[in-house]
Amino acid sequence: MKSLSIGELSKQSGVKITTIRYYEKVGLIAEPERSSGGRRLYLESDIKRIGFIKHSRFLGFPLDAIREMLHLQATPEMDCSTANEIAERQLALVKQRISQLQALEGELERIAEACGGGSVAECKVIEALGDHSQCEADRHVKIEGL
């Protein structure tokens, strides 16, 4: 079986070297064997595993969920209901974020439309940002990633 350097693995998977090392550190990929000179030696199967992780991260799955799905993948005879539950949890979070973003969009549109130009001293945008009571929402929820 052909072994790959970390640079080659990075190139073939499209994942940065630092990210590959991070995945090793957090246990998403096994620490590779080393050459006599201490270089990491990866397997071709690591390309597919890193691709799985990369795609999962793109879809917003947290590392713990990815770790759990990798464990499921390693036991193919298991019922897939757990994988579906993980996907359903992620879908619920995405729907929640969309709802929060739509509320944020509405609030920002309202604030921006209130601006009639003029000096900063009379700026409705600056005024609204400094006085939360001018917002339509009672409270704003911090949206992860923004």
N, C-alpha and C. Protein backbone atom coordinates (compact mmCIF):
# COMPACT_ATOMS: atom_id res chain seq x y z
N MET A 1 0.84 -1.17 0.00
CA MET A 1 0.00 0.00 0.00
C MET A 1 0.89 1.25 0.00
N LYS A 2 0.61 2.17 -0.91
CA LYS A 2 1.41 3.39 -1.05
C LYS A 2 1.14 4.33 0.12
N SER A 3 2.21 4.92 0.63
CA SER A 3 2.06 5.91 1.69
C SER A 3 2.23 7.31 1.11
N LEU A 4 1.60 8.28 1.77
CA LEU A 4 1.62 9.66 1.31
C LEU A 4 2.25 10.56 2.35
N SER A 5 2.95 11.58 1.90
CA SER A 5 3.45 12.60 2.83
C SER A 5 2.28 13.49 3.20
N ILE A 6 2.46 14.29 4.24
CA ILE A 6 1.39 15.20 4.65
C ILE A 6 1.11 16.23 3.55
N GLY A 7 2.16 16.64 2.82
CA GLY A 7 1.98 17.58 1.71
C GLY A 7 1.14 16.99 0.60
N GLU A 8 1.41 15.72 0.28
CA GLU A 8 0.64 15.04 -0.77
C GLU A 8 -0.80 14.82 -0.32
N LEU A 9 -0.99 14.44 0.93
CA LEU A 9 -2.33 14.27 1.47
C LEU A 9 -3.09 15.60 1.41
N SER A 10 -2.42 16.68 1.75
CA SER A 10 -3.03 18.00 1.70
C SER A 10 -3.46 18.34 0.28
N LYS A 11 -2.58 18.10 -0.66
CA LYS A 11 -2.87 18.41 -2.06
C LYS A 11 -4.04 17.57 -2.58
N GLN A 12 -4.03 16.29 -2.29
CA GLN A 12 -5.08 15.41 -2.82
C GLN A 12 -6.43 15.61 -2.13
N SER A 13 -6.42 16.01 -0.87
CA SER A 13 -7.67 16.18 -0.14
C SER A 13 -8.21 17.61 -0.20
N GLY A 14 -7.33 18.56 -0.55
CA GLY A 14 -7.75 19.95 -0.57
C GLY A 14 -7.86 20.56 0.82
N VAL A 15 -7.19 19.95 1.80
CA VAL A 15 -7.21 20.41 3.18
C VAL A 15 -5.80 20.86 3.56
N LYS A 16 -5.70 22.00 4.22
CA LYS A 16 -4.39 22.53 4.59
C LYS A 16 -3.66 21.60 5.57
N ILE A 17 -2.36 21.64 5.53
CA ILE A 17 -1.51 20.82 6.40
C ILE A 17 -1.84 21.08 7.86
N THR A 18 -2.01 22.35 8.22
CA THR A 18 -2.31 22.68 9.62
C THR A 18 -3.64 22.06 10.06
N THR A 19 -4.58 22.00 9.14
CA THR A 19 -5.89 21.39 9.45
C THR A 19 -5.74 19.89 9.63
N ILE A 20 -4.94 19.25 8.80
CA ILE A 20 -4.69 17.81 8.94
C ILE A 20 -4.07 17.52 10.30
N ARG A 21 -3.10 18.33 10.68
CA ARG A 21 -2.48 18.15 12.01
C ARG A 21 -3.50 18.35 13.13
N TYR A 22 -4.37 19.33 12.94
CA TYR A 22 -5.42 19.57 13.93
C TYR A 22 -6.35 18.36 14.04
N TYR A 23 -6.75 17.80 12.89
CA TYR A 23 -7.61 16.62 12.91
C TYR A 23 -6.94 15.46 13.65
N GLU A 24 -5.64 15.34 13.50
CA GLU A 24 -4.89 14.33 14.27
C GLU A 24 -4.97 14.64 15.76
N LYS A 25 -4.70 15.89 16.09
CA LYS A 25 -4.67 16.31 17.50
C LYS A 25 -5.99 16.04 18.21
N VAL A 26 -7.12 16.28 17.52
CA VAL A 26 -8.43 16.10 18.15
C VAL A 26 -8.99 14.68 17.94
N GLY A 27 -8.21 13.82 17.30
CA GLY A 27 -8.59 12.42 17.17
C GLY A 27 -9.56 12.08 16.05
N LEU A 28 -9.71 12.96 15.06
CA LEU A 28 -10.59 12.64 13.93
C LEU A 28 -9.89 11.73 12.93
N ILE A 29 -8.58 11.84 12.86
CA ILE A 29 -7.80 10.89 12.06
C ILE A 29 -6.70 10.34 12.97
N ALA A 30 -6.36 9.09 12.72
CA ALA A 30 -5.34 8.44 13.54
C ALA A 30 -3.97 9.06 13.28
N GLU A 31 -3.18 9.09 14.31
CA GLU A 31 -1.81 9.56 14.14
C GLU A 31 -1.11 8.58 13.19
N PRO A 32 -0.49 9.10 12.14
CA PRO A 32 0.10 8.20 11.15
C PRO A 32 1.42 7.59 11.63
N GLU A 33 1.79 6.55 10.93
CA GLU A 33 3.12 5.99 11.19
C GLU A 33 4.14 7.01 10.71
N ARG A 34 5.37 6.82 11.16
CA ARG A 34 6.44 7.75 10.79
C ARG A 34 7.53 6.99 10.03
N SER A 35 8.17 7.72 9.15
CA SER A 35 9.32 7.14 8.44
C SER A 35 10.50 7.12 9.40
N SER A 36 11.58 6.52 8.99
CA SER A 36 12.78 6.50 9.84
C SER A 36 13.30 7.90 10.09
N GLY A 37 12.97 8.82 9.20
CA GLY A 37 13.37 10.22 9.36
C GLY A 37 12.34 11.05 10.13
N GLY A 38 11.25 10.43 10.59
CA GLY A 38 10.25 11.12 11.38
C GLY A 38 9.12 11.77 10.59
N ARG A 39 9.10 11.58 9.27
CA ARG A 39 8.03 12.14 8.46
C ARG A 39 6.76 11.33 8.61
N ARG A 40 5.63 12.04 8.65
CA ARG A 40 4.33 11.37 8.73
C ARG A 40 4.08 10.61 7.42
N LEU A 41 3.56 9.40 7.55
CA LEU A 41 3.24 8.58 6.39
C LEU A 41 1.76 8.20 6.44
N TYR A 42 0.98 8.77 5.55
CA TYR A 42 -0.46 8.54 5.53
C TYR A 42 -0.82 7.47 4.52
N LEU A 43 -2.01 6.91 4.71
CA LEU A 43 -2.54 5.91 3.79
C LEU A 43 -3.49 6.58 2.81
N GLU A 44 -3.70 5.94 1.70
CA GLU A 44 -4.65 6.48 0.72
C GLU A 44 -6.05 6.56 1.31
N SER A 45 -6.38 5.68 2.23
CA SER A 45 -7.70 5.72 2.88
C SER A 45 -7.89 7.00 3.69
N ASP A 46 -6.79 7.64 4.08
CA ASP A 46 -6.89 8.90 4.82
C ASP A 46 -7.46 10.01 3.93
N ILE A 47 -7.27 9.93 2.63
CA ILE A 47 -7.83 10.93 1.71
C ILE A 47 -9.36 10.91 1.82
N LYS A 48 -9.93 9.72 1.79
CA LYS A 48 -11.38 9.58 1.88
C LYS A 48 -11.89 10.04 3.25
N ARG A 49 -11.20 9.69 4.31
CA ARG A 49 -11.61 10.08 5.66
C ARG A 49 -11.58 11.60 5.81
N ILE A 50 -10.52 12.23 5.31
CA ILE A 50 -10.42 13.68 5.39
C ILE A 50 -11.50 14.32 4.52
N GLY A 51 -11.81 13.72 3.39
CA GLY A 51 -12.90 14.22 2.55
C GLY A 51 -14.23 14.18 3.28
N PHE A 52 -14.47 13.11 4.02
CA PHE A 52 -15.69 12.96 4.82
C PHE A 52 -15.75 14.08 5.87
N ILE A 53 -14.64 14.30 6.55
CA ILE A 53 -14.58 15.34 7.59
C ILE A 53 -14.79 16.72 6.96
N LYS A 54 -14.11 16.97 5.85
CA LYS A 54 -14.20 18.27 5.17
C LYS A 54 -15.64 18.56 4.75
N HIS A 55 -16.31 17.58 4.15
CA HIS A 55 -17.69 17.77 3.71
C HIS A 55 -18.62 17.97 4.90
N SER A 56 -18.39 17.21 5.97
CA SER A 56 -19.20 17.36 7.18
C SER A 56 -19.04 18.75 7.78
N ARG A 57 -17.81 19.25 7.80
CA ARG A 57 -17.57 20.60 8.32
C ARG A 57 -18.24 21.65 7.44
N PHE A 58 -18.20 21.44 6.12
CA PHE A 58 -18.85 22.36 5.19
C PHE A 58 -20.35 22.44 5.49
N LEU A 59 -20.94 21.31 5.88
CA LEU A 59 -22.37 21.28 6.21
C LEU A 59 -22.64 21.75 7.64
N GLY A 60 -21.58 22.16 8.34
CA GLY A 60 -21.74 22.76 9.66
C GLY A 60 -21.75 21.81 10.83
N PHE A 61 -21.49 20.54 10.61
CA PHE A 61 -21.48 19.59 11.71
C PHE A 61 -20.36 19.91 12.69
N PRO A 62 -20.66 19.88 13.99
CA PRO A 62 -19.60 20.09 14.98
C PRO A 62 -18.67 18.87 15.04
N LEU A 63 -17.48 19.06 15.58
CA LEU A 63 -16.49 17.99 15.62
C LEU A 63 -17.00 16.76 16.36
N ASP A 64 -17.74 16.94 17.45
CA ASP A 64 -18.25 15.78 18.19
C ASP A 64 -19.20 14.94 17.34
N ALA A 65 -20.03 15.60 16.55
CA ALA A 65 -20.95 14.87 15.67
C ALA A 65 -20.18 14.13 14.59
N ILE A 66 -19.14 14.76 14.06
CA ILE A 66 -18.31 14.11 13.04
C ILE A 66 -17.62 12.90 13.64
N ARG A 67 -17.10 13.06 14.83
CA ARG A 67 -16.43 11.95 15.52
C ARG A 67 -17.41 10.78 15.69
N GLU A 68 -18.64 11.10 16.08
CA GLU A 68 -19.66 10.06 16.27
C GLU A 68 -20.00 9.37 14.95
N MET A 69 -20.09 10.14 13.87
CA MET A 69 -20.40 9.54 12.57
C MET A 69 -19.24 8.70 12.05
N LEU A 70 -18.01 9.13 12.33
CA LEU A 70 -16.85 8.31 11.94
C LEU A 70 -16.85 6.99 12.69
N HIS A 71 -17.26 7.03 13.95
CA HIS A 71 -17.38 5.79 14.73
C HIS A 71 -18.45 4.88 14.11
N LEU A 72 -19.57 5.48 13.72
CA LEU A 72 -20.63 4.70 13.07
C LEU A 72 -20.12 4.09 11.77
N GLN A 73 -19.38 4.88 11.01
CA GLN A 73 -18.84 4.41 9.73
C GLN A 73 -17.92 3.21 9.93
N ALA A 74 -17.25 3.17 11.06
CA ALA A 74 -16.33 2.06 11.35
C ALA A 74 -17.07 0.79 11.76
N THR A 75 -18.36 0.91 12.05
CA THR A 75 -19.18 -0.25 12.42
C THR A 75 -20.38 -0.33 11.48
N PRO A 76 -20.14 -0.74 10.23
CA PRO A 76 -21.18 -0.69 9.20
C PRO A 76 -22.40 -1.58 9.46
N GLU A 77 -22.30 -2.52 10.38
CA GLU A 77 -23.45 -3.38 10.65
C GLU A 77 -24.47 -2.72 11.58
N MET A 78 -24.11 -1.59 12.17
CA MET A 78 -25.03 -0.88 13.07
C MET A 78 -26.20 -0.28 12.30
N ASP A 79 -27.30 -0.09 13.00
CA ASP A 79 -28.47 0.58 12.45
C ASP A 79 -28.11 2.04 12.19
N CYS A 80 -28.59 2.60 11.10
CA CYS A 80 -28.20 3.97 10.74
C CYS A 80 -29.07 5.03 11.40
N SER A 81 -29.95 4.66 12.29
CA SER A 81 -30.83 5.65 12.92
C SER A 81 -30.04 6.71 13.70
N THR A 82 -28.90 6.33 14.26
CA THR A 82 -28.09 7.30 14.98
C THR A 82 -27.55 8.37 14.03
N ALA A 83 -27.12 7.96 12.85
CA ALA A 83 -26.64 8.92 11.86
C ALA A 83 -27.76 9.87 11.45
N ASN A 84 -28.95 9.32 11.31
CA ASN A 84 -30.10 10.15 10.95
C ASN A 84 -30.42 11.15 12.07
N GLU A 85 -30.33 10.71 13.32
CA GLU A 85 -30.58 11.61 14.46
C GLU A 85 -29.57 12.76 14.47
N ILE A 86 -28.32 12.45 14.17
CA ILE A 86 -27.28 13.49 14.12
C ILE A 86 -27.61 14.49 13.01
N ALA A 87 -28.01 13.98 11.86
CA ALA A 87 -28.37 14.86 10.73
C ALA A 87 -29.61 15.70 11.08
N GLU A 88 -30.58 15.12 11.75
CA GLU A 88 -31.78 15.85 12.16
C GLU A 88 -31.44 16.96 13.15
N ARG A 89 -30.53 16.69 14.08
CA ARG A 89 -30.09 17.74 15.03
C ARG A 89 -29.45 18.90 14.28
N GLN A 90 -28.60 18.56 13.32
CA GLN A 90 -27.92 19.60 12.55
C GLN A 90 -28.93 20.40 11.73
N LEU A 91 -29.90 19.73 11.16
CA LEU A 91 -30.94 20.41 10.39
C LEU A 91 -31.73 21.37 11.27
N ALA A 92 -32.06 20.96 12.49
CA ALA A 92 -32.78 21.83 13.42
C ALA A 92 -31.97 23.07 13.75
N LEU A 93 -30.65 22.90 13.93
CA LEU A 93 -29.79 24.06 14.20
C LEU A 93 -29.73 25.00 13.01
N VAL A 94 -29.66 24.46 11.82
CA VAL A 94 -29.62 25.28 10.61
C VAL A 94 -30.93 26.07 10.48
N LYS A 95 -32.05 25.42 10.72
CA LYS A 95 -33.34 26.12 10.64
C LYS A 95 -33.42 27.23 11.68
N GLN A 96 -32.90 26.97 12.88
CA GLN A 96 -32.89 27.99 13.92
C GLN A 96 -32.02 29.18 13.50
N ARG A 97 -30.86 28.90 12.94
CA ARG A 97 -29.98 29.98 12.48
C ARG A 97 -30.62 30.79 11.36
N ILE A 98 -31.31 30.11 10.44
CA ILE A 98 -31.99 30.81 9.35
C ILE A 98 -33.03 31.77 9.91
N SER A 99 -33.80 31.30 10.87
CA SER A 99 -34.81 32.14 11.51
C SER A 99 -34.17 33.36 12.18
N GLN A 100 -33.07 33.12 12.88
CA GLN A 100 -32.36 34.22 13.54
C GLN A 100 -31.79 35.20 12.51
N LEU A 101 -31.26 34.68 11.42
CA LEU A 101 -30.71 35.54 10.37
C LEU A 101 -31.81 36.36 9.69
N GLN A 102 -32.99 35.78 9.51
CA GLN A 102 -34.09 36.52 8.91
C GLN A 102 -34.53 37.67 9.83
N ALA A 103 -34.55 37.43 11.14
CA ALA A 103 -34.89 38.49 12.09
C ALA A 103 -33.81 39.58 12.05
N LEU A 104 -32.56 39.17 11.99
CA LEU A 104 -31.46 40.12 11.91
C LEU A 104 -31.55 40.95 10.63
N GLU A 105 -31.86 40.29 9.52
CA GLU A 105 -32.01 40.98 8.25
C GLU A 105 -33.09 42.06 8.34
N GLY A 106 -34.22 41.70 8.91
CA GLY A 106 -35.31 42.66 9.04
C GLY A 106 -34.93 43.86 9.88
N GLU A 107 -34.25 43.61 10.98
CA GLU A 107 -33.84 44.69 11.87
C GLU A 107 -32.83 45.61 11.17
N LEU A 108 -31.87 45.03 10.48
CA LEU A 108 -30.87 45.85 9.78
C LEU A 108 -31.49 46.64 8.63
N GLU A 109 -32.44 46.05 7.93
CA GLU A 109 -33.13 46.77 6.86
C GLU A 109 -33.88 47.97 7.44
N ARG A 110 -34.57 47.76 8.54
CA ARG A 110 -35.34 48.83 9.18
C ARG A 110 -34.42 49.96 9.63
N ILE A 111 -33.28 49.60 10.23
CA ILE A 111 -32.34 50.61 10.70
C ILE A 111 -31.75 51.38 9.51
N ALA A 112 -31.35 50.66 8.46
CA ALA A 112 -30.74 51.31 7.29
C ALA A 112 -31.73 52.22 6.59
N GLU A 113 -32.99 51.81 6.50
CA GLU A 113 -34.01 52.63 5.84
C GLU A 113 -34.33 53.90 6.62
N ALA A 114 -34.06 53.89 7.93
CA ALA A 114 -34.33 55.06 8.76
C ALA A 114 -33.33 56.18 8.51
N CYS A 115 -32.22 55.85 7.88
CA CYS A 115 -31.18 56.86 7.64
C CYS A 115 -31.63 57.78 6.51
N GLY A 116 -31.67 59.05 6.83
CA GLY A 116 -32.07 60.04 5.82
C GLY A 116 -30.90 60.86 5.32
N GLY A 117 -29.69 60.45 5.67
CA GLY A 117 -28.53 61.22 5.27
C GLY A 117 -28.30 62.35 6.26
N GLY A 118 -27.33 63.16 5.98
CA GLY A 118 -27.01 64.27 6.87
C GLY A 118 -25.75 63.99 7.67
N SER A 119 -25.64 64.63 8.80
CA SER A 119 -24.44 64.50 9.62
C SER A 119 -24.53 63.30 10.56
N VAL A 120 -23.38 62.84 11.00
CA VAL A 120 -23.32 61.71 11.93
C VAL A 120 -24.04 62.05 13.23
N ALA A 121 -24.02 63.32 13.61
CA ALA A 121 -24.69 63.73 14.85
C ALA A 121 -26.19 63.44 14.81
N GLU A 122 -26.76 63.37 13.61
CA GLU A 122 -28.19 63.10 13.46
C GLU A 122 -28.46 61.75 12.80
N CYS A 123 -27.44 60.91 12.71
CA CYS A 123 -27.54 59.63 11.99
C CYS A 123 -28.42 58.63 12.74
N LYS A 124 -29.46 58.18 12.06
CA LYS A 124 -30.40 57.23 12.67
C LYS A 124 -29.76 55.85 12.87
N VAL A 125 -28.81 55.48 12.04
CA VAL A 125 -28.11 54.19 12.19
C VAL A 125 -27.29 54.22 13.48
N ILE A 126 -26.48 55.26 13.66
CA ILE A 126 -25.66 55.39 14.86
C ILE A 126 -26.56 55.47 16.10
N GLU A 127 -27.63 56.22 15.99
CA GLU A 127 -28.57 56.37 17.11
C GLU A 127 -29.19 55.02 17.49
N ALA A 128 -29.63 54.25 16.49
CA ALA A 128 -30.25 52.94 16.75
C ALA A 128 -29.26 51.96 17.37
N LEU A 129 -28.01 52.01 16.91
CA LEU A 129 -27.01 51.09 17.46
C LEU A 129 -26.67 51.44 18.89
N GLY A 130 -26.82 52.71 19.25
CA GLY A 130 -26.52 53.14 20.61
C GLY A 130 -27.69 53.03 21.57
N ASP A 131 -28.88 52.75 21.06
CA ASP A 131 -30.08 52.69 21.90
C ASP A 131 -30.91 51.47 21.52
N HIS A 132 -30.73 50.40 22.27
CA HIS A 132 -31.41 49.14 21.96
C HIS A 132 -32.94 49.27 22.00
N SER A 133 -33.45 50.24 22.74
CA SER A 133 -34.91 50.38 22.82
C SER A 133 -35.52 50.74 21.47
N GLN A 134 -34.70 51.17 20.51
CA GLN A 134 -35.21 51.49 19.18
C GLN A 134 -35.38 50.24 18.31
N CYS A 135 -34.90 49.12 18.78
CA CYS A 135 -35.03 47.87 18.02
C CYS A 135 -36.43 47.30 18.19
N GLU A 136 -36.90 46.63 17.18
CA GLU A 136 -38.20 45.98 17.26
C GLU A 136 -38.14 44.72 18.13
N ALA A 137 -37.01 44.03 18.09
CA ALA A 137 -36.85 42.81 18.88
C ALA A 137 -36.48 43.18 20.31
N ASP A 138 -37.03 42.44 21.27
CA ASP A 138 -36.71 42.68 22.68
C ASP A 138 -35.25 42.39 22.97
N ARG A 139 -34.75 41.32 22.32
CA ARG A 139 -33.36 40.96 22.52
C ARG A 139 -32.85 40.33 21.24
N HIS A 140 -31.56 40.42 21.06
CA HIS A 140 -30.92 39.81 19.90
C HIS A 140 -30.14 38.59 20.36
N VAL A 141 -30.23 37.54 19.60
CA VAL A 141 -29.49 36.33 19.91
C VAL A 141 -28.23 36.34 19.06
N LYS A 142 -27.09 36.12 19.71
CA LYS A 142 -25.81 36.04 18.99
C LYS A 142 -25.86 34.82 18.08
N ILE A 143 -25.56 35.02 16.83
CA ILE A 143 -25.56 33.93 15.86
C ILE A 143 -24.14 33.46 15.68
N GLU A 144 -23.91 32.16 15.93
CA GLU A 144 -22.58 31.60 15.79
C GLU A 144 -22.05 31.84 14.39
N GLY A 145 -20.80 32.26 14.31
CA GLY A 145 -20.17 32.48 13.02
C GLY A 145 -20.29 33.91 12.53
N LEU A 146 -21.07 34.74 13.21
CA LEU A 146 -21.19 36.15 12.81
C LEU A 146 -20.60 37.04 13.86
